[in-house]
C-alpha atoms as a PDB file:
ATOM      1  CA  MET A   1     -16.838  -4.663  -4.280  1.00  0.00           C
ATOM      2  CA  ILE A   2     -14.943  -1.363  -5.236  1.00  0.00           C
ATOM      3  CA  LYS A   3     -16.307   0.682  -7.855  1.00  0.00           C
ATOM      4  CA  LYS A   4     -14.189   1.323 -11.080  1.00  0.00           C
ATOM      5  CA  GLU A   5     -13.894   4.858 -10.310  1.00  0.00           C
ATOM      6  CA  GLN A   6     -12.379   4.253  -6.524  1.00  0.00           C
ATOM      7  CA  LEU A   7     -10.090   1.627  -8.367  1.00  0.00           C
ATOM      8  CA  GLN A   8      -8.819   3.925 -10.887  1.00  0.00           C
ATOM      9  CA  ALA A   9      -8.526   6.888  -8.339  1.00  0.00           C
ATOM     10  CA  LEU A  10      -6.268   4.322  -6.366  1.00  0.00           C
ATOM     11  CA  ARG A  11      -4.250   3.598  -9.183  1.00  0.00           C
ATOM     12  CA  LEU A  12      -3.395   7.242  -9.952  1.00  0.00           C
ATOM     13  CA  GLN A  13      -2.682   7.999  -6.392  1.00  0.00           C
ATOM     14  CA  HIS A  14      -0.239   5.106  -5.792  1.00  0.00           C
ATOM     15  CA  PRO A  15       1.644   4.355  -9.322  1.00  0.00           C
ATOM     16  CA  VAL A  16       4.096   1.696  -9.469  1.00  0.00           C
ATOM     17  CA  GLY A  17       7.380   3.168  -7.915  1.00  0.00           C
ATOM     18  CA  THR A  18       5.579   5.028  -5.463  1.00  0.00           C
ATOM     19  CA  LYS A  19       7.935   4.929  -2.250  1.00  0.00           C
ATOM     20  CA  ILE A  20       5.663   4.835   0.733  1.00  0.00           C
ATOM     21  CA  VAL A  21       5.926   4.375   4.833  1.00  0.00           C
ATOM     22  CA  LEU A  22       3.480   2.182   7.098  1.00  0.00           C
ATOM     23  CA  ILE A  23       1.604   4.520   9.531  1.00  0.00           C
ATOM     24  CA  ARG A  24      -0.662   1.760  10.798  1.00  0.00           C
ATOM     25  CA  MET A  25      -1.948  -1.437   9.697  1.00  0.00           C
ATOM     26  CA  ASN A  26      -4.342  -3.497  11.965  1.00  0.00           C
ATOM     27  CA  ASP A  27      -2.710  -6.620  11.157  1.00  0.00           C
ATOM     28  CA  PRO A  28      -0.620  -8.889  13.246  1.00  0.00           C
ATOM     29  CA  ALA A  29       1.403  -9.728  10.436  1.00  0.00           C
ATOM     30  CA  ALA A  30       1.968  -6.218   9.410  1.00  0.00           C
ATOM     31  CA  PRO A  31       5.359  -4.870   8.992  1.00  0.00           C
ATOM     32  CA  PRO A  32       6.330  -2.648  12.161  1.00  0.00           C
ATOM     33  CA  VAL A  33       5.059   0.908  12.021  1.00  0.00           C
ATOM     34  CA  GLY A  34       7.720   3.277   9.854  1.00  0.00           C
ATOM     35  CA  THR A  35       8.588   0.085   7.488  1.00  0.00           C
ATOM     36  CA  LYS A  36       9.458   1.906   4.162  1.00  0.00           C
ATOM     37  CA  GLY A  37       8.135  -0.024   0.939  1.00  0.00           C
ATOM     38  CA  THR A  38       7.819   0.457  -2.901  1.00  0.00           C
ATOM     39  CA  VAL A  39       4.255  -0.086  -4.617  1.00  0.00           C
ATOM     40  CA  THR A  40       4.289  -2.465  -7.172  1.00  0.00           C
ATOM     41  CA  GLY A  41       0.649  -2.077  -8.005  1.00  0.00           C
ATOM     42  CA  VAL A  42      -3.005  -2.185  -7.150  1.00  0.00           C
ATOM     43  CA  ASP A  43      -4.864  -5.138  -7.713  1.00  0.00           C
ATOM     44  CA  ASP A  44      -8.482  -5.205  -8.938  1.00  0.00           C
ATOM     45  CA  ILE A  45      -9.836  -5.583  -5.488  1.00  0.00           C
ATOM     46  CA  GLY A  46      -8.294  -2.228  -4.616  1.00  0.00           C
ATOM     47  CA  ASP A  47      -5.379  -3.482  -2.334  1.00  0.00           C
ATOM     48  CA  ILE A  48      -2.056  -1.694  -2.695  1.00  0.00           C
ATOM     49  CA  LEU A  49       0.783  -4.401  -3.411  1.00  0.00           C
ATOM     50  CA  VAL A  50       3.911  -3.248  -1.558  1.00  0.00           C
ATOM     51  CA  ASP A  51       7.711  -4.604  -1.674  1.00  0.00           C
ATOM     52  CA  TRP A  52       8.423  -3.806   1.862  1.00  0.00           C
ATOM     53  CA  ASP A  53      11.966  -2.931   2.672  1.00  0.00           C
ATOM     54  CA  ASN A  54      12.087  -5.483   5.440  1.00  0.00           C
ATOM     55  CA  GLY A  55      11.366  -8.173   2.879  1.00  0.00           C
ATOM     56  CA  SER A  56       7.481  -8.616   3.468  1.00  0.00           C
ATOM     57  CA  CYS A  57       5.016  -8.432   0.795  1.00  0.00           C
ATOM     58  CA  LEU A  58       1.835  -7.945   2.780  1.00  0.00           C
ATOM     59  CA  ASN A  59      -0.469  -5.624   0.471  1.00  0.00           C
ATOM     60  CA  VAL A  60      -2.044  -2.824   2.150  1.00  0.00           C
ATOM     61  CA  VAL A  61      -5.844  -3.061   2.441  1.00  0.00           C
ATOM     62  CA  PRO A  62      -7.126   0.630   2.179  1.00  0.00           C
ATOM     63  CA  GLU A  63      -9.680   0.064   5.139  1.00  0.00           C
ATOM     64  CA  VAL A  64      -6.973  -1.862   7.335  1.00  0.00           C
ATOM     65  CA  GLY A  65      -3.613   0.067   6.636  1.00  0.00           C
ATOM     66  CA  TRP A  66      -2.682   3.714   6.502  1.00  0.00           C
ATOM     67  CA  ILE A  67       0.397   4.590   4.452  1.00  0.00           C
ATOM     68  CA  ARG A  68       2.201   7.870   3.576  1.00  0.00           C
ATOM     69  CA  GLN A  69       4.092   8.623   0.370  1.00  0.00           C
ATOM     70  CA  ILE A  70       7.544   9.907   0.802  1.00  0.00           C
ATOM     71  CA  SER A  71      10.470  10.905  -1.659  1.00  0.00           C
ATOM     72  CA  GLU A  72      13.828   9.437  -1.556  1.00  0.00           C
END
């Protein structure tokens, strides 16, 4: 279970509309490394919701996936 303070920090770090790029994700269904996307939110368990540019909508679980913010 994620702590309230950790959840708030994630939401501040990844606000809706933030542009990101996938660095790595330990999931066989993950988009390819380097795929860009837009954050659509952070859910109540701390997953980062992403609308990937390749059409995927797979969430980023912070312990499983690594992303970096980009500017476009």
